[in-house]
Amino acid sequence: METARPTSVKVTLGDRRLARTDASRRPTDDSLSDRFFRHLVFNLRTGVLAITRDGRVAAMNDIAYRVLGLSARAGDIGRPFAEVLHDCPEVARVLQQGFDSDDLPNRAEMRLRKTGRAMGYSLSPILDDEGQKIGATLFFKDLTRVEQLEERERLRDRLAALGEMAAAIAHEVKNPLASIEVAAGVLKRQLPPESDYVETLDDIIKEAKMANAIVVEVLEFVRPIQLQVERVALDEALKDAITLAEGKPARGAVSIDMDIAADVPELLADPHQLRQLFSNLMANAFEALGGEGHVSIRAGVLPGDDEATAAIEPPVPQIVVEVRDTGPGIAPDDLERIFSPFFTTKPQGTGLGLAIVRKVVDAHDGHIDAISAPGRGATFRVTLPVVPTERTLGR
C-alpha cells in the first residue's frame, strides 16, 4: 500500500502579488472588526487608556476608571487626555512620555495621589502601517493588593523572629514580676492600714500588674494565630465586641448605632478573633471620644469581582465593616504608622491594640484601611472574605 505524499505548491513572486491584489479587493466588514476590537479592549481585566497623536482619548475601559478612581463621562472619548485625567496629573505625565521619548517604560510602578493606591503600568506606542507613531497606549493594573500581601509576609517574618525572642525572655520576666507582686502584697498585709508605706506598696503592686499585662499582651501579639473557624453571624460578633469594649475604657455617654445589610451572610471565621478585632476598634473609639460622641457601625457585601483581588486569586464575596467615630481624628503622619507594632500616641499605651487588629485581619485573609483627618473623626474599614482561602485555612 502506497503512502500518499504531501503535495507541494510552488508560489511565484507573481502569484504572491496577485494574492495580495485579490485580498485587497475583498470586501471587509469594518464595523464588525471595529466592534470586535472594542469589545476586546473593554473586556480586558487590565486598565487600558489609549490616546491619539493629537492628545485625545481614543479608548478607556471600565477597569481604567476604577483603578484611577475616576467617574466615566459620556464625552470622555475624543476629549484631550489632560482634561480627562485632571485629577491624575501623574498619569497624564506618563502618557505624555509616549510622544516625548522613545525609551518607554515596559514595567514600572507609581502611587496615585488621588486614591493612594499602587499601580503597575507599561506604555506602548501605536504605530501605523508605515511605522509612524500615531498614538500611545497605557496598560496598568492595581497593585495595592499585591503590596498588602507582600507586607503581610514581611510582617509574619518579623513576628516569627520577635516571637522566638519573646518566648525566650517571657519566663525570665514574668516570674520576677509575680514575685514582686506577691512580696509587696505580703508586706502590705503585715503593716497597719494607717502606715505611710501602704500607699507605696499599692503603687508597687499596681505597676507590677501593669508590667505583667504588657508582657502578656506582647506574647499574645507575637504568638502565631491558629484560626478555629466556624460559621459566625456578623451581627452577633459585633454585639459581643461592643460588650467587651465597654469593659475597657469607659463608654460614658457615647452613642452607638449599627446597620447590618440584610444580605450579609454568615462568615467562616474564628469567632474569638473577630470579637477581639472589633472590640479593639470599639475600645479605641471610646478612648478617642472621651465619654462623649457617636460611633456608627456599617456592614455590607462587596461583589466578588473586585479588581484589587481578582488578579491575585479567584474572586470571592467579601463583607465590609466600617467603624466610624466623631472623635478628634488622627494626624496624617500618625495615620501611616497606626498599625505598626509598639507605635502609640497614648502615655499609657503599648502600641499593640491596632497591630493586633491588623494581625487578626491578615489571618483571615482580609485587609484594613484607616481614613481620618484632624477634627473629622476616624473610620476603620475592615474587608473580610466570606470564606477564607484554602491557603489561610491550612496554616
Protein backbone atom coordinates (compact mmCIF):
# COMPACT_ATOMS: atom_id res chain seq x y z
CA MET A 1 0.00 0.00 0.00
CA GLU A 2 1.44 3.30 -1.05
CA THR A 3 1.63 6.18 1.33
CA ALA A 4 0.19 9.40 -0.04
CA ARG A 5 2.86 12.02 -0.47
CA PRO A 6 2.16 15.60 0.58
CA THR A 7 1.51 17.84 -2.36
CA SER A 8 3.90 20.78 -2.68
CA VAL A 9 2.77 24.02 -4.23
CA LYS A 10 5.25 26.42 -5.70
CA VAL A 11 4.21 30.03 -5.32
CA THR A 12 5.94 32.51 -7.56
CA LEU A 13 6.51 36.15 -6.84
CA GLY A 14 3.78 36.96 -9.34
CA ASP A 15 1.39 34.66 -7.52
CA ARG A 16 2.09 36.47 -4.25
CA ARG A 17 1.43 39.83 -5.86
CA LEU A 18 -1.82 38.50 -7.31
CA ALA A 19 -2.87 37.13 -3.93
CA ARG A 20 -2.24 40.49 -2.29
CA THR A 21 -4.20 42.22 -5.05
CA ASP A 22 -7.13 39.83 -4.64
CA ALA A 23 -7.08 40.22 -0.87
CA SER A 24 -7.15 43.99 -1.19
CA ARG A 25 -10.25 43.72 -3.37
CA ARG A 26 -12.17 41.51 -0.96
CA PRO A 27 -14.98 43.32 0.83
CA THR A 28 -14.35 43.79 4.55
CA ASP A 29 -16.80 44.44 7.35
CA ASP A 30 -15.01 47.34 9.04
CA SER A 31 -17.85 47.91 11.50
CA LEU A 32 -17.75 44.28 12.66
CA SER A 33 -13.98 44.44 13.03
CA ASP A 34 -14.25 47.68 14.97
CA ARG A 35 -16.88 46.23 17.32
CA PHE A 36 -14.78 43.14 17.94
CA PHE A 37 -11.68 45.06 18.93
CA ARG A 38 -13.69 47.49 21.06
CA HIS A 39 -15.18 44.52 22.91
CA LEU A 40 -11.69 43.09 23.28
CA VAL A 41 -10.34 46.27 24.87
CA PHE A 42 -13.30 46.92 27.11
CA ASN A 43 -13.39 43.37 28.45
CA LEU A 44 -9.73 43.18 29.40
CA ARG A 45 -9.10 42.76 33.13
CA THR A 46 -6.34 45.33 32.82
CA GLY A 47 -6.76 49.08 32.70
CA VAL A 48 -6.40 50.38 29.13
CA LEU A 49 -6.07 54.04 28.20
CA ALA A 50 -5.23 54.89 24.58
CA ILE A 51 -4.66 58.36 23.17
CA THR A 52 -4.15 59.72 19.66
CA ARG A 53 -1.17 61.68 18.36
CA ASP A 54 -3.00 64.96 18.93
CA GLY A 55 -3.67 64.08 22.59
CA ARG A 56 -7.29 62.91 22.51
CA VAL A 57 -8.61 59.91 24.42
CA ALA A 58 -9.31 57.08 21.97
CA ALA A 59 -10.20 54.30 24.42
CA MET A 60 -10.61 53.92 28.17
CA ASN A 61 -12.17 50.84 29.70
CA ASP A 62 -14.09 50.41 32.95
CA ILE A 63 -11.11 48.93 34.80
CA ALA A 64 -9.10 52.06 33.96
CA TYR A 65 -11.75 54.29 35.52
CA ARG A 66 -11.92 52.09 38.64
CA VAL A 67 -8.17 51.90 39.19
CA LEU A 68 -7.71 55.65 38.68
CA GLY A 69 -10.68 56.47 40.89
CA LEU A 70 -12.45 58.44 38.15
CA SER A 71 -16.08 58.53 37.08
CA ALA A 72 -16.86 57.73 33.45
CA ARG A 73 -18.48 60.53 31.46
CA ALA A 74 -20.22 60.19 28.12
CA GLY A 75 -17.97 62.72 26.39
CA ASP A 76 -14.60 61.40 27.56
CA ILE A 77 -13.77 59.69 24.26
CA GLY A 78 -12.39 62.38 22.00
CA ARG A 79 -11.57 64.83 24.78
CA PRO A 80 -7.96 65.89 25.50
CA PHE A 81 -6.44 63.35 27.87
CA ALA A 82 -5.16 66.13 30.13
CA GLU A 83 -8.78 67.13 30.81
CA VAL A 84 -9.98 63.59 31.42
CA LEU A 85 -7.02 62.95 33.74
CA HIS A 86 -7.23 66.30 35.51
CA ASP A 87 -7.34 64.56 38.93
CA CYS A 88 -4.49 62.19 37.99
CA PRO A 89 -1.71 64.51 36.70
CA GLU A 90 0.98 61.87 37.32
CA VAL A 91 -0.77 59.54 34.86
CA ALA A 92 -1.07 62.34 32.31
CA ARG A 93 2.68 62.94 32.58
CA VAL A 94 3.39 59.28 31.89
CA LEU A 95 1.14 59.33 28.82
CA GLN A 96 2.94 62.40 27.51
CA GLN A 97 6.15 60.34 27.51
CA GLY A 98 4.63 58.32 24.69
CA PHE A 99 5.40 61.23 22.37
CA ASP A 100 8.34 62.87 24.11
CA SER A 101 10.56 59.78 24.41
CA ASP A 102 11.42 56.61 22.53
CA ASP A 103 12.54 54.84 25.72
CA LEU A 104 9.13 53.94 27.11
CA PRO A 105 8.68 52.09 30.43
CA ASN A 106 7.80 48.43 29.99
CA ARG A 107 7.29 47.60 33.66
CA ALA A 108 7.07 50.47 36.13
CA GLU A 109 5.09 51.46 39.21
CA MET A 110 3.61 54.63 40.63
CA ARG A 111 1.37 55.62 43.51
CA LEU A 112 -1.79 57.54 42.69
CA ARG A 113 -2.14 60.65 44.81
CA LYS A 114 -5.92 60.71 44.35
CA THR A 115 -6.54 57.26 45.84
CA GLY A 116 -3.21 56.34 47.45
CA ARG A 117 -3.24 53.06 45.54
CA ALA A 118 -0.19 51.46 43.90
CA MET A 119 -0.32 51.00 40.13
CA GLY A 120 1.89 48.94 37.83
CA TYR A 121 1.96 50.05 34.21
CA SER A 122 3.58 49.77 30.78
CA LEU A 123 3.46 52.36 28.00
CA SER A 124 3.46 51.35 24.33
CA PRO A 125 3.44 53.42 21.13
CA ILE A 126 0.77 52.89 18.49
CA LEU A 127 2.32 52.73 15.01
CA ASP A 128 0.61 52.87 11.62
CA ASP A 129 1.48 50.72 8.58
CA GLU A 130 4.43 52.97 7.76
CA GLY A 131 5.81 52.75 11.30
CA GLN A 132 4.80 56.30 12.19
CA LYS A 133 3.76 56.97 15.78
CA ILE A 134 0.04 57.84 15.81
CA GLY A 135 -0.76 57.34 19.46
CA ALA A 136 0.15 55.69 22.75
CA THR A 137 -1.44 53.08 24.99
CA LEU A 138 -1.11 52.76 28.74
CA PHE A 139 -1.77 49.32 30.22
CA PHE A 140 -1.99 49.27 34.01
CA LYS A 141 -3.14 47.24 36.99
CA ASP A 142 -3.90 47.94 40.64
CA LEU A 143 -1.03 46.51 42.69
CA THR A 144 -2.32 47.61 46.08
CA ARG A 145 -3.43 44.11 46.99
CA VAL A 146 -0.05 42.75 45.89
CA GLU A 147 1.69 45.25 48.17
CA GLN A 148 -0.58 44.28 51.05
CA LEU A 149 0.21 40.60 50.59
CA GLU A 150 3.94 41.30 50.42
CA GLU A 151 3.79 43.49 53.52
CA ARG A 152 1.79 40.78 55.27
CA GLU A 153 4.50 38.22 54.55
CA ARG A 154 7.22 40.60 55.76
CA LEU A 155 5.23 41.20 58.94
CA ARG A 156 4.88 37.48 59.51
CA ASP A 157 8.64 37.04 59.16
CA ARG A 158 9.28 39.84 61.64
CA LEU A 159 6.75 38.44 64.08
CA ALA A 160 8.26 34.97 63.83
CA ALA A 161 11.66 36.35 64.84
CA LEU A 162 10.11 38.51 67.56
CA GLY A 163 8.10 35.54 68.82
CA GLU A 164 11.20 33.45 69.32
CA MET A 165 12.83 36.22 71.30
CA ALA A 166 9.70 36.92 73.35
CA ALA A 167 9.21 33.24 74.20
CA ALA A 168 12.80 33.06 75.41
CA ILE A 169 12.51 36.01 77.81
CA ALA A 170 8.87 35.64 78.87
CA HIS A 171 9.63 33.18 81.63
CA GLU A 172 12.51 35.32 82.93
CA VAL A 173 10.35 38.46 83.02
CA LYS A 174 7.04 37.07 84.30
CA ASN A 175 8.49 35.20 87.28
CA PRO A 176 10.25 38.23 88.84
CA LEU A 177 7.13 40.35 88.29
CA ALA A 178 4.99 37.75 90.06
CA SER A 179 7.50 37.61 92.93
CA ILE A 180 7.47 41.41 93.30
CA GLU A 181 3.68 41.49 93.36
CA VAL A 182 3.42 38.68 95.92
CA ALA A 183 6.15 40.16 98.16
CA ALA A 184 4.52 43.60 98.09
CA GLY A 185 1.17 42.04 99.00
CA VAL A 186 2.71 40.15 101.95
CA LEU A 187 4.36 43.32 103.26
CA LYS A 188 1.13 45.28 102.90
CA ARG A 189 -0.79 42.73 104.97
CA GLN A 190 1.83 42.92 107.71
CA LEU A 191 1.58 46.69 108.03
CA PRO A 192 -1.16 48.57 109.85
CA PRO A 193 -3.63 50.31 107.47
CA GLU A 194 -2.52 53.74 108.65
CA SER A 195 1.15 53.10 107.76
CA ASP A 196 2.77 55.52 105.32
CA TYR A 197 4.19 52.57 103.39
CA VAL A 198 0.81 51.07 102.41
CA GLU A 199 0.33 53.55 99.59
CA THR A 200 3.83 52.86 98.28
CA LEU A 201 3.18 49.11 98.31
CA ASP A 202 -0.11 49.67 96.48
CA ASP A 203 1.81 51.52 93.77
CA ILE A 204 4.32 48.64 93.51
CA ILE A 205 1.51 46.09 93.15
CA LYS A 206 -0.25 48.25 90.55
CA GLU A 207 2.89 48.74 88.46
CA ALA A 208 3.77 45.05 88.66
CA LYS A 209 0.31 44.13 87.43
CA MET A 210 0.61 46.63 84.57
CA ALA A 211 4.03 45.33 83.56
CA ASN A 212 2.73 41.76 83.63
CA ALA A 213 -0.24 42.79 81.45
CA ILE A 214 2.17 44.30 78.92
CA VAL A 215 4.19 41.09 78.81
CA VAL A 216 1.02 39.07 78.29
CA GLU A 217 -0.10 41.42 75.50
CA VAL A 218 3.28 41.21 73.78
CA LEU A 219 3.20 37.42 73.96
CA GLU A 220 -0.31 37.39 72.56
CA PHE A 221 0.75 39.63 69.71
CA VAL A 222 3.82 37.63 68.66
CA ARG A 223 2.16 34.24 69.06
CA PRO A 224 1.03 32.87 65.64
CA ILE A 225 -2.73 32.83 65.19
CA GLN A 226 -4.22 29.39 64.62
CA LEU A 227 -7.72 30.01 63.32
CA GLN A 228 -10.51 27.89 64.79
CA VAL A 229 -13.07 28.61 62.10
CA GLU A 230 -16.80 28.10 62.29
CA ARG A 231 -19.93 29.77 60.99
CA VAL A 232 -20.21 33.22 62.60
CA ALA A 233 -23.12 35.66 62.44
CA LEU A 234 -21.56 39.10 62.00
CA ASP A 235 -24.22 40.97 63.98
CA GLU A 236 -23.72 38.69 66.98
CA ALA A 237 -19.94 39.09 66.82
CA LEU A 238 -20.29 42.88 66.72
CA LYS A 239 -22.70 42.95 69.67
CA ASP A 240 -20.30 40.81 71.72
CA ALA A 241 -17.44 43.10 70.70
CA ILE A 242 -19.31 46.17 71.98
CA THR A 243 -19.90 44.45 75.32
CA LEU A 244 -16.20 43.53 75.59
CA ALA A 245 -15.12 47.06 74.67
CA GLU A 246 -17.31 48.56 77.38
CA GLY A 247 -15.18 46.71 79.93
CA LYS A 248 -12.04 48.58 78.84
CA PRO A 249 -12.15 52.40 78.67
CA ALA A 250 -15.38 53.86 79.98
CA ARG A 251 -18.01 54.27 77.25
CA GLY A 252 -19.64 57.15 79.09
CA ALA A 253 -22.35 58.88 77.06
CA VAL A 254 -21.09 57.63 73.68
CA SER A 255 -23.99 56.60 71.48
CA ILE A 256 -23.73 53.67 69.05
CA ASP A 257 -25.84 52.76 66.04
CA MET A 258 -25.34 49.60 64.00
CA ASP A 259 -26.64 48.91 60.50
CA ILE A 260 -26.02 45.44 59.05
CA ALA A 261 -27.27 44.93 55.47
CA ALA A 262 -29.86 42.18 55.13
CA ASP A 263 -27.76 40.28 52.57
CA VAL A 264 -24.67 39.93 54.79
CA PRO A 265 -24.11 36.16 55.12
CA GLU A 266 -22.54 34.21 57.93
CA LEU A 267 -18.74 34.16 57.80
CA LEU A 268 -16.43 31.20 58.05
CA ALA A 269 -14.15 32.73 60.66
CA ASP A 270 -12.71 32.44 64.15
CA PRO A 271 -15.40 33.97 66.42
CA HIS A 272 -12.98 34.70 69.28
CA GLN A 273 -10.57 36.54 66.97
CA LEU A 274 -13.40 38.51 65.34
CA ARG A 275 -14.67 39.64 68.74
CA GLN A 276 -11.17 40.75 69.70
CA LEU A 277 -10.72 42.59 66.39
CA PHE A 278 -13.90 44.66 66.70
CA SER A 279 -13.67 45.14 70.47
CA ASN A 280 -10.22 46.71 69.99
CA LEU A 281 -11.62 49.07 67.34
CA MET A 282 -14.55 49.99 69.59
CA ALA A 283 -12.28 50.50 72.62
CA ASN A 284 -10.10 52.84 70.56
CA ALA A 285 -13.19 54.80 69.54
CA PHE A 286 -14.40 55.08 73.15
CA GLU A 287 -10.99 56.30 74.26
CA ALA A 288 -10.77 58.86 71.43
CA LEU A 289 -14.25 60.21 72.22
CA GLY A 290 -13.55 60.63 75.95
CA GLY A 291 -17.07 59.69 77.01
CA GLU A 292 -18.96 61.92 74.54
CA GLY A 293 -19.77 61.50 70.88
CA HIS A 294 -21.08 58.91 68.46
CA VAL A 295 -19.91 55.64 66.89
CA SER A 296 -21.56 54.15 63.82
CA ILE A 297 -21.06 50.62 62.55
CA ARG A 298 -21.98 49.76 58.97
CA ALA A 299 -21.65 46.37 57.26
CA GLY A 300 -22.41 45.28 53.70
CA VAL A 301 -21.35 42.90 50.94
CA LEU A 302 -18.80 43.59 48.21
CA PRO A 303 -19.21 41.82 44.85
CA GLY A 304 -16.75 39.04 44.11
CA ASP A 305 -15.18 40.76 41.08
CA ASP A 306 -13.13 43.34 42.96
CA GLU A 307 -10.18 44.32 40.74
CA ALA A 308 -7.84 44.54 43.70
CA THR A 309 -8.15 40.81 44.39
CA ALA A 310 -9.09 39.31 41.04
CA ALA A 311 -5.52 39.30 39.75
CA ILE A 312 -4.15 37.53 42.82
CA GLU A 313 -6.62 34.73 43.46
CA PRO A 314 -10.10 33.58 42.38
CA PRO A 315 -12.62 36.27 43.36
CA VAL A 316 -14.79 35.53 46.41
CA PRO A 317 -17.61 37.52 48.02
CA GLN A 318 -16.40 39.83 50.77
CA ILE A 319 -18.02 41.77 53.55
CA VAL A 320 -17.02 45.28 54.57
CA VAL A 321 -17.42 46.63 58.10
CA GLU A 322 -16.88 50.32 58.82
CA VAL A 323 -16.42 51.60 62.37
CA ARG A 324 -16.65 55.39 62.38
CA ASP A 325 -16.36 57.79 65.31
CA THR A 326 -16.83 61.53 65.72
CA GLY A 327 -13.63 61.99 67.70
CA PRO A 328 -10.69 64.35 67.15
CA GLY A 329 -9.28 62.32 64.25
CA ILE A 330 -5.73 61.17 63.50
CA ALA A 331 -2.82 63.30 62.27
CA PRO A 332 -1.59 62.40 58.73
CA ASP A 333 1.88 61.38 59.97
CA ASP A 334 0.37 59.12 62.62
CA LEU A 335 -2.13 57.63 60.16
CA GLU A 336 0.69 55.96 58.25
CA ARG A 337 2.01 54.20 61.37
CA ILE A 338 -1.03 53.34 63.49
CA PHE A 339 -0.91 49.64 62.57
CA SER A 340 2.81 49.33 63.31
CA PRO A 341 3.69 47.32 66.43
CA PHE A 342 4.54 49.41 69.50
CA PHE A 343 3.57 52.74 67.90
CA THR A 344 1.33 54.74 70.22
CA THR A 345 0.43 58.34 70.98
CA LYS A 346 -1.04 57.46 74.39
CA PRO A 347 1.02 57.91 77.58
CA GLN A 348 -0.04 54.51 78.95
CA GLY A 349 -0.46 52.72 75.61
CA THR A 350 1.54 49.71 74.44
CA GLY A 351 1.02 50.35 70.73
CA LEU A 352 -0.30 46.83 70.19
CA GLY A 353 -4.08 47.31 70.01
CA LEU A 354 -4.30 48.19 66.31
CA ALA A 355 -1.33 45.97 65.48
CA ILE A 356 -3.32 43.02 66.86
CA VAL A 357 -6.34 44.16 64.84
CA ARG A 358 -4.29 44.08 61.67
CA LYS A 359 -2.82 40.71 62.58
CA VAL A 360 -6.30 39.21 63.02
CA VAL A 361 -7.49 40.73 59.74
CA ASP A 362 -4.44 39.34 57.94
CA ALA A 363 -5.01 35.91 59.48
CA HIS A 364 -8.49 35.91 57.92
CA ASP A 365 -7.03 36.93 54.55
CA GLY A 366 -8.68 40.35 54.70
CA HIS A 367 -7.38 43.90 54.80
CA ILE A 368 -7.99 47.05 56.84
CA ASP A 369 -7.80 50.74 55.97
CA ALA A 370 -7.97 53.83 58.16
CA ILE A 371 -9.40 57.14 56.94
CA SER A 372 -9.11 60.21 59.09
CA ALA A 373 -8.18 63.86 59.37
CA PRO A 374 -7.70 66.10 62.42
CA GLY A 375 -11.10 67.25 63.69
CA ARG A 376 -13.07 64.91 61.39
CA GLY A 377 -13.17 61.68 63.33
CA ALA A 378 -11.77 58.35 62.19
CA THR A 379 -13.12 55.50 60.08
CA PHE A 380 -11.69 51.98 60.12
CA ARG A 381 -12.75 49.89 57.14
CA VAL A 382 -12.34 46.12 57.52
CA THR A 383 -12.78 43.87 54.48
CA LEU A 384 -13.07 40.12 55.10
CA PRO A 385 -13.78 37.25 52.71
CA VAL A 386 -16.95 35.31 53.44
CA VAL A 387 -14.81 32.16 53.20
CA PRO A 388 -11.01 32.35 53.74
CA THR A 389 -8.78 30.80 51.09
CA GLU A 390 -7.55 27.22 51.40
CA ARG A 391 -4.05 28.63 51.96
CA THR A 392 -5.33 30.53 55.01
CA LEU A 393 -7.33 27.62 56.40
CA GLY A 394 -4.37 25.30 56.00
CA ARG A 395 -1.97 27.42 58.00
